[in-house]
Amino acid sequence: LLVDAVHDHIDSMQLEPICAFANNCSRCLANIEGVSDKMRDLLSDELFDRLPFENMETSFNRNAKKIVGFVTNVIWKDLDDLCQALYTPRWYDEDIIGIILSTLRDFWDDCEVL
């Protein structure tokens, strides 16, 4: 699966395409829900129940959540050293909070739509 490939190579990937993948999964989920609602009105219950809408919705939702989790892990990994410096002597020598906020702002710019 594509999600597994992202997981396996996340350290060498840029965040923009990873965020785009999560956004695409979210959009597909919304589109499938819309198509499902329209098809429910057009088809008999018997025919509608044969269509795999629920499986597709579950798959897109699961993939989007996994990708968001991957991105979150990348952010926390990047912030780990800074968070460990909170309330230590380094805290008094450096602007740790400012660096954390700048880092989060950079990630936000990369993943704005996510």
N, C-alpha and C. Protein backbone atom coordinates (compact mmCIF):
# COMPACT_ATOMS: atom_id res chain seq x y z
N LEU A 1 0.82 -1.19 0.00
CA LEU A 1 0.00 0.00 0.00
C LEU A 1 0.86 1.26 0.00
N LEU A 2 0.30 2.30 -0.52
CA LEU A 2 1.00 3.58 -0.57
C LEU A 2 1.30 4.12 0.83
N VAL A 3 0.37 3.91 1.76
CA VAL A 3 0.58 4.38 3.13
C VAL A 3 1.80 3.70 3.74
N ASP A 4 1.97 2.41 3.47
CA ASP A 4 3.15 1.70 3.99
C ASP A 4 4.43 2.24 3.38
N ALA A 5 4.40 2.58 2.10
CA ALA A 5 5.58 3.15 1.45
C ALA A 5 5.93 4.50 2.07
N VAL A 6 4.92 5.31 2.36
CA VAL A 6 5.17 6.59 3.02
C VAL A 6 5.80 6.35 4.38
N HIS A 7 5.26 5.42 5.14
CA HIS A 7 5.79 5.10 6.46
C HIS A 7 7.25 4.67 6.37
N ASP A 8 7.56 3.82 5.39
CA ASP A 8 8.92 3.27 5.25
C ASP A 8 9.94 4.32 4.83
N HIS A 9 9.49 5.37 4.14
CA HIS A 9 10.43 6.36 3.59
C HIS A 9 10.19 7.77 4.12
N ILE A 10 9.46 7.90 5.19
CA ILE A 10 9.06 9.23 5.67
C ILE A 10 10.27 10.11 6.01
N ASP A 11 11.34 9.51 6.49
CA ASP A 11 12.51 10.31 6.87
C ASP A 11 13.19 10.97 5.67
N SER A 12 12.99 10.42 4.48
CA SER A 12 13.63 10.99 3.30
C SER A 12 12.66 11.78 2.43
N MET A 13 11.43 11.96 2.89
CA MET A 13 10.41 12.64 2.09
C MET A 13 10.18 14.06 2.59
N GLN A 14 9.77 14.91 1.69
CA GLN A 14 9.32 16.25 2.05
C GLN A 14 7.91 16.15 2.62
N LEU A 15 7.55 17.05 3.50
CA LEU A 15 6.22 16.99 4.12
C LEU A 15 5.09 17.39 3.18
N GLU A 16 5.35 18.25 2.21
CA GLU A 16 4.29 18.72 1.33
C GLU A 16 3.56 17.57 0.63
N PRO A 17 4.28 16.63 -0.02
CA PRO A 17 3.53 15.54 -0.67
C PRO A 17 2.84 14.62 0.32
N ILE A 18 3.39 14.49 1.52
CA ILE A 18 2.75 13.65 2.53
C ILE A 18 1.44 14.31 2.97
N CYS A 19 1.48 15.61 3.19
CA CYS A 19 0.27 16.35 3.55
C CYS A 19 -0.75 16.31 2.41
N ALA A 20 -0.26 16.41 1.19
CA ALA A 20 -1.16 16.35 0.03
C ALA A 20 -1.87 14.99 -0.01
N PHE A 21 -1.15 13.93 0.31
CA PHE A 21 -1.73 12.59 0.33
C PHE A 21 -2.85 12.52 1.38
N ALA A 22 -2.60 13.05 2.56
CA ALA A 22 -3.63 13.06 3.61
C ALA A 22 -4.84 13.89 3.16
N ASN A 23 -4.57 15.05 2.56
CA ASN A 23 -5.67 15.89 2.07
C ASN A 23 -6.46 15.19 0.98
N ASN A 24 -5.77 14.48 0.09
CA ASN A 24 -6.46 13.74 -0.97
C ASN A 24 -7.35 12.65 -0.39
N CYS A 25 -6.85 11.95 0.63
CA CYS A 25 -7.67 10.92 1.29
C CYS A 25 -8.91 11.55 1.90
N SER A 26 -8.75 12.71 2.53
CA SER A 26 -9.89 13.39 3.13
C SER A 26 -10.90 13.83 2.07
N ARG A 27 -10.39 14.35 0.96
CA ARG A 27 -11.29 14.77 -0.13
C ARG A 27 -12.01 13.57 -0.72
N CYS A 28 -11.28 12.48 -0.93
CA CYS A 28 -11.90 11.26 -1.47
C CYS A 28 -12.97 10.75 -0.53
N LEU A 29 -12.71 10.80 0.77
CA LEU A 29 -13.71 10.38 1.75
C LEU A 29 -14.97 11.22 1.61
N ALA A 30 -14.81 12.52 1.51
CA ALA A 30 -15.97 13.40 1.35
C ALA A 30 -16.71 13.10 0.04
N ASN A 31 -15.96 12.87 -1.03
CA ASN A 31 -16.59 12.57 -2.33
C ASN A 31 -17.32 11.23 -2.29
N ILE A 32 -16.72 10.23 -1.68
CA ILE A 32 -17.36 8.91 -1.58
C ILE A 32 -18.65 9.03 -0.77
N GLU A 33 -18.61 9.80 0.31
CA GLU A 33 -19.83 9.99 1.11
C GLU A 33 -20.92 10.64 0.28
N GLY A 34 -20.55 11.63 -0.54
CA GLY A 34 -21.53 12.30 -1.40
C GLY A 34 -22.10 11.37 -2.45
N VAL A 35 -21.24 10.59 -3.08
CA VAL A 35 -21.70 9.63 -4.09
C VAL A 35 -22.58 8.57 -3.44
N SER A 36 -22.17 8.11 -2.27
CA SER A 36 -22.95 7.11 -1.54
C SER A 36 -24.35 7.63 -1.24
N ASP A 37 -24.44 8.86 -0.77
CA ASP A 37 -25.75 9.44 -0.47
C ASP A 37 -26.62 9.52 -1.72
N LYS A 38 -26.05 9.92 -2.84
CA LYS A 38 -26.82 10.01 -4.09
C LYS A 38 -27.24 8.63 -4.59
N MET A 39 -26.32 7.67 -4.48
CA MET A 39 -26.63 6.32 -4.95
C MET A 39 -27.72 5.68 -4.08
N ARG A 40 -27.72 5.98 -2.79
CA ARG A 40 -28.75 5.43 -1.90
C ARG A 40 -30.14 5.88 -2.37
N ASP A 41 -30.23 7.11 -2.86
CA ASP A 41 -31.52 7.63 -3.35
C ASP A 41 -31.91 7.00 -4.68
N LEU A 42 -30.94 6.59 -5.49
CA LEU A 42 -31.21 6.09 -6.83
C LEU A 42 -31.42 4.57 -6.90
N LEU A 43 -30.80 3.83 -5.99
CA LEU A 43 -30.82 2.38 -6.06
C LEU A 43 -31.70 1.76 -4.98
N SER A 44 -32.12 0.56 -5.27
CA SER A 44 -32.84 -0.19 -4.24
C SER A 44 -31.85 -0.54 -3.13
N ASP A 45 -32.37 -0.84 -1.96
CA ASP A 45 -31.51 -1.21 -0.84
C ASP A 45 -30.65 -2.42 -1.19
N GLU A 46 -31.23 -3.37 -1.89
CA GLU A 46 -30.50 -4.59 -2.26
C GLU A 46 -29.30 -4.26 -3.15
N LEU A 47 -29.49 -3.44 -4.16
CA LEU A 47 -28.38 -3.06 -5.04
C LEU A 47 -27.36 -2.19 -4.30
N PHE A 48 -27.86 -1.26 -3.54
CA PHE A 48 -26.95 -0.36 -2.82
C PHE A 48 -26.06 -1.14 -1.86
N ASP A 49 -26.62 -2.12 -1.18
CA ASP A 49 -25.85 -2.90 -0.20
C ASP A 49 -24.74 -3.71 -0.85
N ARG A 50 -24.81 -3.93 -2.15
CA ARG A 50 -23.75 -4.66 -2.86
C ARG A 50 -22.53 -3.79 -3.16
N LEU A 51 -22.71 -2.48 -3.10
CA LEU A 51 -21.62 -1.56 -3.42
C LEU A 51 -20.70 -1.38 -2.20
N PRO A 52 -19.40 -1.26 -2.44
CA PRO A 52 -18.44 -1.23 -1.31
C PRO A 52 -18.18 0.17 -0.73
N PHE A 53 -19.20 1.00 -0.67
CA PHE A 53 -18.98 2.37 -0.18
C PHE A 53 -18.41 2.39 1.23
N GLU A 54 -18.96 1.56 2.11
CA GLU A 54 -18.49 1.56 3.50
C GLU A 54 -17.02 1.18 3.58
N ASN A 55 -16.60 0.20 2.79
CA ASN A 55 -15.19 -0.20 2.78
C ASN A 55 -14.30 0.93 2.26
N MET A 56 -14.75 1.62 1.22
CA MET A 56 -13.95 2.73 0.68
C MET A 56 -13.85 3.86 1.70
N GLU A 57 -14.96 4.19 2.34
CA GLU A 57 -14.95 5.25 3.35
C GLU A 57 -13.98 4.90 4.48
N THR A 58 -14.06 3.68 4.94
CA THR A 58 -13.18 3.22 6.02
C THR A 58 -11.73 3.30 5.61
N SER A 59 -11.43 2.88 4.39
CA SER A 59 -10.06 2.87 3.89
C SER A 59 -9.50 4.29 3.77
N PHE A 60 -10.25 5.20 3.16
CA PHE A 60 -9.77 6.58 3.03
C PHE A 60 -9.59 7.23 4.39
N ASN A 61 -10.53 6.99 5.30
CA ASN A 61 -10.45 7.57 6.64
C ASN A 61 -9.23 7.01 7.38
N ARG A 62 -9.03 5.71 7.31
CA ARG A 62 -7.89 5.09 7.99
C ARG A 62 -6.58 5.61 7.43
N ASN A 63 -6.47 5.72 6.11
CA ASN A 63 -5.24 6.22 5.49
C ASN A 63 -4.96 7.67 5.87
N ALA A 64 -5.99 8.50 5.88
CA ALA A 64 -5.80 9.91 6.26
C ALA A 64 -5.30 10.00 7.70
N LYS A 65 -5.90 9.22 8.59
CA LYS A 65 -5.48 9.24 10.00
C LYS A 65 -4.04 8.75 10.16
N LYS A 66 -3.67 7.72 9.41
CA LYS A 66 -2.30 7.22 9.49
C LYS A 66 -1.31 8.28 9.04
N ILE A 67 -1.61 8.95 7.93
CA ILE A 67 -0.71 9.97 7.40
C ILE A 67 -0.59 11.14 8.37
N VAL A 68 -1.69 11.55 8.95
CA VAL A 68 -1.64 12.63 9.95
C VAL A 68 -0.77 12.19 11.12
N GLY A 69 -0.89 10.94 11.52
CA GLY A 69 -0.04 10.41 12.58
C GLY A 69 1.43 10.43 12.20
N PHE A 70 1.74 10.09 10.95
CA PHE A 70 3.13 10.13 10.48
C PHE A 70 3.68 11.56 10.57
N VAL A 71 2.87 12.52 10.10
CA VAL A 71 3.31 13.92 10.12
C VAL A 71 3.51 14.38 11.57
N THR A 72 2.59 14.01 12.43
CA THR A 72 2.72 14.37 13.85
C THR A 72 4.00 13.81 14.44
N ASN A 73 4.31 12.57 14.10
CA ASN A 73 5.55 11.95 14.60
C ASN A 73 6.79 12.69 14.10
N VAL A 74 6.77 13.13 12.84
CA VAL A 74 7.90 13.88 12.30
C VAL A 74 8.07 15.18 13.07
N ILE A 75 6.96 15.86 13.35
CA ILE A 75 7.04 17.13 14.09
C ILE A 75 7.58 16.89 15.49
N TRP A 76 7.05 15.91 16.21
CA TRP A 76 7.52 15.64 17.57
C TRP A 76 8.98 15.21 17.58
N LYS A 77 9.38 14.44 16.57
CA LYS A 77 10.78 14.02 16.48
C LYS A 77 11.68 15.24 16.33
N ASP A 78 11.24 16.20 15.53
CA ASP A 78 12.01 17.41 15.31
C ASP A 78 12.06 18.29 16.56
N LEU A 79 11.01 18.25 17.36
CA LEU A 79 10.93 19.08 18.56
C LEU A 79 11.47 18.40 19.82
N ASP A 80 11.79 17.13 19.73
CA ASP A 80 12.17 16.36 20.91
C ASP A 80 13.32 17.00 21.70
N ASP A 81 14.39 17.36 21.02
CA ASP A 81 15.55 17.95 21.69
C ASP A 81 15.17 19.26 22.39
N LEU A 82 14.35 20.05 21.71
CA LEU A 82 13.93 21.33 22.29
C LEU A 82 13.03 21.12 23.50
N CYS A 83 12.12 20.18 23.41
CA CYS A 83 11.23 19.92 24.54
C CYS A 83 12.00 19.39 25.75
N GLN A 84 13.02 18.60 25.50
CA GLN A 84 13.83 18.10 26.60
C GLN A 84 14.63 19.23 27.27
N ALA A 85 14.83 20.31 26.56
CA ALA A 85 15.59 21.44 27.11
C ALA A 85 14.73 22.36 27.98
N LEU A 86 13.43 22.17 27.95
CA LEU A 86 12.55 23.01 28.77
C LEU A 86 12.89 22.83 30.24
N TYR A 87 12.96 23.95 30.94
CA TYR A 87 13.23 24.01 32.38
C TYR A 87 14.58 23.43 32.77
N THR A 88 15.51 23.42 31.85
CA THR A 88 16.89 23.02 32.14
C THR A 88 17.75 24.28 32.06
N PRO A 89 19.04 24.19 32.40
CA PRO A 89 19.90 25.38 32.26
C PRO A 89 19.88 25.97 30.84
N ARG A 90 19.73 25.11 29.85
CA ARG A 90 19.66 25.59 28.46
C ARG A 90 18.47 26.53 28.27
N TRP A 91 17.40 26.29 29.01
CA TRP A 91 16.18 27.09 28.96
C TRP A 91 16.49 28.56 29.22
N TYR A 92 17.43 28.81 30.12
CA TYR A 92 17.76 30.17 30.51
C TYR A 92 18.75 30.83 29.55
N ASP A 93 19.47 30.03 28.79
CA ASP A 93 20.49 30.56 27.88
C ASP A 93 19.97 30.78 26.46
N GLU A 94 18.93 30.05 26.08
CA GLU A 94 18.43 30.13 24.71
C GLU A 94 16.93 30.45 24.74
N ASP A 95 16.46 30.93 23.64
CA ASP A 95 15.02 31.21 23.50
C ASP A 95 14.33 29.93 22.99
N ILE A 96 14.22 28.94 23.87
CA ILE A 96 13.67 27.64 23.49
C ILE A 96 12.25 27.77 22.97
N ILE A 97 11.43 28.52 23.66
CA ILE A 97 10.04 28.68 23.23
C ILE A 97 9.98 29.34 21.85
N GLY A 98 10.81 30.35 21.64
CA GLY A 98 10.84 31.00 20.33
C GLY A 98 11.25 30.04 19.23
N ILE A 99 12.21 29.17 19.51
CA ILE A 99 12.65 28.19 18.52
C ILE A 99 11.54 27.17 18.25
N ILE A 100 10.87 26.74 19.32
CA ILE A 100 9.75 25.80 19.16
C ILE A 100 8.65 26.43 18.31
N LEU A 101 8.30 27.67 18.61
CA LEU A 101 7.26 28.35 17.84
C LEU A 101 7.66 28.55 16.38
N SER A 102 8.91 28.88 16.13
CA SER A 102 9.39 29.03 14.75
C SER A 102 9.34 27.69 14.01
N THR A 103 9.71 26.64 14.71
CA THR A 103 9.67 25.30 14.10
C THR A 103 8.23 24.91 13.77
N LEU A 104 7.33 25.14 14.72
CA LEU A 104 5.92 24.84 14.47
C LEU A 104 5.36 25.68 13.33
N ARG A 105 5.78 26.95 13.25
CA ARG A 105 5.34 27.82 12.16
C ARG A 105 5.82 27.28 10.80
N ASP A 106 7.06 26.80 10.75
CA ASP A 106 7.59 26.21 9.52
C ASP A 106 6.77 24.98 9.12
N PHE A 107 6.48 24.13 10.10
CA PHE A 107 5.66 22.95 9.80
C PHE A 107 4.26 23.36 9.36
N TRP A 108 3.71 24.36 10.03
CA TRP A 108 2.37 24.83 9.67
C TRP A 108 2.35 25.31 8.22
N ASP A 109 3.38 26.05 7.82
CA ASP A 109 3.45 26.53 6.45
C ASP A 109 3.52 25.37 5.46
N ASP A 110 4.24 24.30 5.84
CA ASP A 110 4.36 23.13 4.96
C ASP A 110 3.06 22.33 4.89
N CYS A 111 2.31 22.32 5.96
CA CYS A 111 1.14 21.46 6.07
C CYS A 111 -0.15 22.24 6.29
N GLU A 112 -0.23 23.42 5.77
CA GLU A 112 -1.30 24.35 6.11
C GLU A 112 -2.70 23.76 5.91
N VAL A 113 -2.93 23.04 4.84
CA VAL A 113 -4.27 22.54 4.56
C VAL A 113 -4.62 21.34 5.41
N LEU A 114 -3.59 20.60 5.81
CA LEU A 114 -3.82 19.37 6.56
C LEU A 114 -4.65 19.63 7.78
